[in-house]
C-alpha atoms as a PDB file:
ATOM      1  CA  MET A   1     -14.946   4.301   6.495  1.00  0.00           C
ATOM      2  CA  LYS A   2     -14.698   5.685   2.993  1.00  0.00           C
ATOM      3  CA  ALA A   3     -10.949   6.217   2.677  1.00  0.00           C
ATOM      4  CA  LEU A   4      -7.954   4.120   3.574  1.00  0.00           C
ATOM      5  CA  VAL A   5      -4.400   5.379   3.150  1.00  0.00           C
ATOM      6  CA  ILE A   6      -1.740   2.706   2.702  1.00  0.00           C
ATOM      7  CA  MET A   7       1.396   4.483   3.891  1.00  0.00           C
ATOM      8  CA  GLY A   8       5.106   3.852   4.235  1.00  0.00           C
ATOM      9  CA  VAL A   9       8.421   4.632   2.622  1.00  0.00           C
ATOM     10  CA  SER A  10       9.303   3.774  -0.950  1.00  0.00           C
ATOM     11  CA  GLY A  11       9.484   0.036  -1.552  1.00  0.00           C
ATOM     12  CA  SER A  12       7.088  -0.905   1.248  1.00  0.00           C
ATOM     13  CA  GLY A  13       4.471  -2.276  -1.147  1.00  0.00           C
ATOM     14  CA  LYS A  14       1.838   0.448  -0.870  1.00  0.00           C
ATOM     15  CA  THR A  15       0.749   0.138  -4.486  1.00  0.00           C
ATOM     16  CA  THR A  16       0.800  -3.663  -4.579  1.00  0.00           C
ATOM     17  CA  VAL A  17      -1.232  -4.010  -1.380  1.00  0.00           C
ATOM     18  CA  GLY A  18      -3.552  -1.141  -2.299  1.00  0.00           C
ATOM     19  CA  GLN A  19      -4.340  -2.565  -5.735  1.00  0.00           C
ATOM     20  CA  LEU A  20      -4.953  -6.031  -4.313  1.00  0.00           C
ATOM     21  CA  LEU A  21      -7.197  -4.630  -1.590  1.00  0.00           C
ATOM     22  CA  ALA A  22      -9.199  -2.597  -4.113  1.00  0.00           C
ATOM     23  CA  SER A  23      -9.573  -5.642  -6.334  1.00  0.00           C
ATOM     24  CA  GLU A  24     -10.855  -7.753  -3.451  1.00  0.00           C
ATOM     25  CA  THR A  25     -13.247  -5.134  -2.066  1.00  0.00           C
ATOM     26  CA  GLY A  26     -14.466  -3.397  -5.223  1.00  0.00           C
ATOM     27  CA  GLY A  27     -13.022  -0.141  -3.922  1.00  0.00           C
ATOM     28  CA  ASP A  28     -11.241   2.510  -5.962  1.00  0.00           C
ATOM     29  CA  PHE A  29      -7.430   2.512  -5.924  1.00  0.00           C
ATOM     30  CA  LEU A  30      -5.454   5.713  -6.371  1.00  0.00           C
ATOM     31  CA  ASP A  31      -1.679   5.890  -6.359  1.00  0.00           C
ATOM     32  CA  GLY A  32      -0.727   9.110  -4.615  1.00  0.00           C
ATOM     33  CA  ASP A  33       2.403   9.332  -6.771  1.00  0.00           C
ATOM     34  CA  ASP A  34       0.178   9.943  -9.793  1.00  0.00           C
ATOM     35  CA  PHE A  35      -0.973  13.232  -8.252  1.00  0.00           C
ATOM     36  CA  HIS A  36       2.476  14.806  -7.765  1.00  0.00           C
ATOM     37  CA  PRO A  37       2.937  17.915  -9.919  1.00  0.00           C
ATOM     38  CA  PRO A  38       5.641  17.684 -12.608  1.00  0.00           C
ATOM     39  CA  GLU A  39       7.997  19.840 -10.518  1.00  0.00           C
ATOM     40  CA  ASN A  40       7.956  17.287  -7.683  1.00  0.00           C
ATOM     41  CA  VAL A  41       8.536  14.381 -10.055  1.00  0.00           C
ATOM     42  CA  ALA A  42      11.465  16.228 -11.636  1.00  0.00           C
ATOM     43  CA  LYS A  43      13.058  16.861  -8.229  1.00  0.00           C
ATOM     44  CA  MET A  44      12.689  13.265  -7.092  1.00  0.00           C
ATOM     45  CA  SER A  45      13.915  11.942 -10.446  1.00  0.00           C
ATOM     46  CA  THR A  46      17.190  13.768  -9.934  1.00  0.00           C
ATOM     47  CA  GLY A  47      17.566  12.536  -6.346  1.00  0.00           C
ATOM     48  CA  ILE A  48      16.463  15.738  -4.610  1.00  0.00           C
ATOM     49  CA  PRO A  49      14.190  15.078  -1.606  1.00  0.00           C
ATOM     50  CA  LEU A  50      10.936  17.018  -1.503  1.00  0.00           C
ATOM     51  CA  THR A  51      10.415  19.723   1.095  1.00  0.00           C
ATOM     52  CA  ASP A  52       7.272  20.156   3.162  1.00  0.00           C
ATOM     53  CA  GLN A  53       6.393  23.095   0.903  1.00  0.00           C
ATOM     54  CA  ASP A  54       6.761  20.856  -2.180  1.00  0.00           C
ATOM     55  CA  ARG A  55       4.361  18.343  -0.647  1.00  0.00           C
ATOM     56  CA  GLN A  56       1.662  20.759   0.571  1.00  0.00           C
ATOM     57  CA  GLY A  57      -0.339  21.124  -2.653  1.00  0.00           C
ATOM     58  CA  TRP A  58      -0.009  17.401  -3.360  1.00  0.00           C
ATOM     59  CA  LEU A  59      -1.346  16.517   0.097  1.00  0.00           C
ATOM     60  CA  GLU A  60      -4.229  18.969  -0.297  1.00  0.00           C
ATOM     61  CA  THR A  61      -5.147  17.298  -3.599  1.00  0.00           C
ATOM     62  CA  LEU A  62      -5.202  13.894  -1.894  1.00  0.00           C
ATOM     63  CA  ALA A  63      -7.237  15.332   0.996  1.00  0.00           C
ATOM     64  CA  GLY A  64      -9.831  16.521  -1.532  1.00  0.00           C
ATOM     65  CA  LEU A  65     -10.041  13.005  -2.953  1.00  0.00           C
ATOM     66  CA  ILE A  66     -10.626  11.667   0.578  1.00  0.00           C
ATOM     67  CA  ARG A  67     -13.341  14.239   1.311  1.00  0.00           C
ATOM     68  CA  ASN A  68     -15.124  13.520  -1.957  1.00  0.00           C
ATOM     69  CA  ALA A  69     -14.939   9.710  -1.814  1.00  0.00           C
ATOM     70  CA  ASP A  70     -18.372   8.229  -2.426  1.00  0.00           C
ATOM     71  CA  GLN A  71     -17.243   4.629  -1.954  1.00  0.00           C
ATOM     72  CA  LEU A  72     -14.244   2.888  -0.430  1.00  0.00           C
ATOM     73  CA  THR A  73     -11.178   4.695  -1.783  1.00  0.00           C
ATOM     74  CA  ILE A  74      -7.730   3.242  -1.163  1.00  0.00           C
ATOM     75  CA  ILE A  75      -4.823   5.637  -1.611  1.00  0.00           C
ATOM     76  CA  ALA A  76      -1.153   4.675  -1.658  1.00  0.00           C
ATOM     77  CA  CYS A  77       0.707   7.615  -0.114  1.00  0.00           C
ATOM     78  CA  SER A  78       3.960   7.802   1.824  1.00  0.00           C
ATOM     79  CA  ALA A  79       2.411  10.131   4.484  1.00  0.00           C
ATOM     80  CA  LEU A  80       5.752  10.150   6.276  1.00  0.00           C
ATOM     81  CA  LYS A  81       5.068  12.857   8.887  1.00  0.00           C
ATOM     82  CA  SER A  82       2.221  13.260  11.324  1.00  0.00           C
ATOM     83  CA  SER A  83       1.609  16.751   9.907  1.00  0.00           C
ATOM     84  CA  TYR A  84       1.059  15.176   6.464  1.00  0.00           C
ATOM     85  CA  ARG A  85      -1.390  12.677   7.942  1.00  0.00           C
ATOM     86  CA  GLU A  86      -3.275  15.534   9.618  1.00  0.00           C
ATOM     87  CA  VAL A  87      -3.904  17.023   6.161  1.00  0.00           C
ATOM     88  CA  LEU A  88      -5.292  13.636   5.096  1.00  0.00           C
ATOM     89  CA  ASN A  89      -7.842  13.616   7.919  1.00  0.00           C
ATOM     90  CA  GLY A  90     -10.945  11.572   7.418  1.00  0.00           C
ATOM     91  CA  ALA A  91      -8.966   8.506   6.334  1.00  0.00           C
ATOM     92  CA  GLU A  92      -7.869   5.423   8.218  1.00  0.00           C
ATOM     93  CA  PHE A  93      -4.168   4.541   7.938  1.00  0.00           C
ATOM     94  CA  VAL A  94      -2.268   1.315   7.337  1.00  0.00           C
ATOM     95  CA  PHE A  95       1.488   1.608   7.944  1.00  0.00           C
ATOM     96  CA  LEU A  96       3.621  -0.824   5.942  1.00  0.00           C
ATOM     97  CA  HIS A  97       7.150  -1.144   7.303  1.00  0.00           C
ATOM     98  CA  GLY A  98      10.182  -3.353   6.909  1.00  0.00           C
ATOM     99  CA  SER A  99      13.924  -3.537   7.321  1.00  0.00           C
ATOM    100  CA  PRO A 100      16.067  -1.075   5.356  1.00  0.00           C
ATOM    101  CA  ASP A 101      17.709  -4.029   3.580  1.00  0.00           C
ATOM    102  CA  LEU A 102      14.366  -5.431   2.370  1.00  0.00           C
ATOM    103  CA  LEU A 103      13.157  -1.976   1.308  1.00  0.00           C
ATOM    104  CA  SER A 104      16.383  -1.307  -0.598  1.00  0.00           C
ATOM    105  CA  GLU A 105      16.204  -4.704  -2.296  1.00  0.00           C
ATOM    106  CA  ARG A 106      12.658  -4.007  -3.461  1.00  0.00           C
ATOM    107  CA  ILE A 107      13.503  -0.534  -4.745  1.00  0.00           C
ATOM    108  CA  ASN A 108      16.469  -1.884  -6.700  1.00  0.00           C
ATOM    109  CA  GLN A 109      14.219  -4.464  -8.405  1.00  0.00           C
ATOM    110  CA  ARG A 110      11.731  -1.872  -9.666  1.00  0.00           C
ATOM    111  CA  GLU A 111      11.778  -0.572 -13.202  1.00  0.00           C
ATOM    112  CA  ASP A 112      10.259   2.607 -14.624  1.00  0.00           C
ATOM    113  CA  HIS A 113       9.836   4.413 -11.306  1.00  0.00           C
ATOM    114  CA  TYR A 114      11.090   7.930 -10.750  1.00  0.00           C
ATOM    115  CA  MET A 115      12.071   7.363  -7.108  1.00  0.00           C
ATOM    116  CA  PRO A 116      15.801   6.582  -7.096  1.00  0.00           C
ATOM    117  CA  PRO A 117      17.167   4.173  -4.461  1.00  0.00           C
ATOM    118  CA  GLY A 118      19.309   6.956  -3.006  1.00  0.00           C
ATOM    119  CA  LEU A 119      16.251   8.707  -1.571  1.00  0.00           C
ATOM    120  CA  LEU A 120      15.271   5.787   0.675  1.00  0.00           C
ATOM    121  CA  GLN A 121      17.478   6.973   3.539  1.00  0.00           C
ATOM    122  CA  SER A 122      15.990  10.484   3.399  1.00  0.00           C
ATOM    123  CA  GLN A 123      12.511   8.932   3.644  1.00  0.00           C
ATOM    124  CA  LEU A 124      13.548   6.774   6.601  1.00  0.00           C
ATOM    125  CA  ASP A 125      15.046   9.854   8.277  1.00  0.00           C
ATOM    126  CA  THR A 126      11.819  11.815   7.692  1.00  0.00           C
ATOM    127  CA  LEU A 127       9.459   9.022   8.787  1.00  0.00           C
ATOM    128  CA  GLU A 128       7.502   9.671  11.969  1.00  0.00           C
ATOM    129  CA  VAL A 129       6.062   6.286  12.930  1.00  0.00           C
ATOM    130  CA  PRO A 130       2.299   6.745  13.186  1.00  0.00           C
ATOM    131  CA  SER A 131       0.322   6.025  16.296  1.00  0.00           C
ATOM    132  CA  GLY A 132      -3.168   4.731  15.771  1.00  0.00           C
ATOM    133  CA  ALA A 133      -2.444   3.216  12.360  1.00  0.00           C
ATOM    134  CA  LEU A 134      -2.672  -0.480  11.629  1.00  0.00           C
ATOM    135  CA  SER A 135       1.039  -1.370  11.518  1.00  0.00           C
ATOM    136  CA  LEU A 136       2.082  -4.300   9.310  1.00  0.00           C
ATOM    137  CA  ASP A 137       5.477  -5.883   8.604  1.00  0.00           C
ATOM    138  CA  ILE A 138       6.134  -6.245   4.867  1.00  0.00           C
ATOM    139  CA  SER A 139       7.977  -9.521   5.303  1.00  0.00           C
ATOM    140  CA  LYS A 140       4.505 -11.083   4.921  1.00  0.00           C
ATOM    141  CA  SER A 141       3.023 -11.591   1.454  1.00  0.00           C
ATOM    142  CA  PRO A 142       0.716  -8.967  -0.075  1.00  0.00           C
ATOM    143  CA  GLU A 143      -2.119 -11.502   0.183  1.00  0.00           C
ATOM    144  CA  GLU A 144      -1.500 -11.987   3.914  1.00  0.00           C
ATOM    145  CA  LEU A 145      -1.305  -8.230   4.479  1.00  0.00           C
ATOM    146  CA  THR A 146      -4.527  -7.678   2.549  1.00  0.00           C
ATOM    147  CA  LYS A 147      -6.336 -10.284   4.636  1.00  0.00           C
ATOM    148  CA  VAL A 148      -5.211  -8.628   7.877  1.00  0.00           C
ATOM    149  CA  ILE A 149      -6.378  -5.217   6.585  1.00  0.00           C
ATOM    150  CA  ARG A 150      -9.772  -6.579   5.506  1.00  0.00           C
ATOM    151  CA  ASP A 151     -10.264  -8.327   8.847  1.00  0.00           C
ATOM    152  CA  HIS A 152      -9.131  -5.312  10.870  1.00  0.00           C
ATOM    153  CA  PHE A 153     -11.429  -2.848   9.093  1.00  0.00           C
ATOM    154  CA  SER A 154     -14.213  -5.354   8.359  1.00  0.00           C
ATOM    155  CA  ILE A 155     -14.142  -4.666   4.615  1.00  0.00           C
END
């Protein structure tokens, strides 16, 4: 396995878990949000959900990173729909999930992030729960989640 996508809605801890996992394994960490074009960031910043068309180029960019990975690459990416995950083929998936209340609490505590709390419900509505992904409840600590991921994938 060369690529691992840590997926879930906003506030699920994708970046925190991904960075910790990369630190522990020596892998590369990439935050998928960093690869959104300015137009997508502008839409989300004003509370407008992205369309599938908005996401297509972004997903193709991430898919290229997966294809070209020469060592373990860990990518934080919402990957909300199965069609999005199909574009990201070649990666293994970890699905971080939690209660809407916990997710909302986490989002409201963040600073300097362009994803407004109001978009959480649209993400939950869009989410197609993945089959075949390692599914983890975010009520556990990032350290516990990272250990489960490392054990599951033997990394």
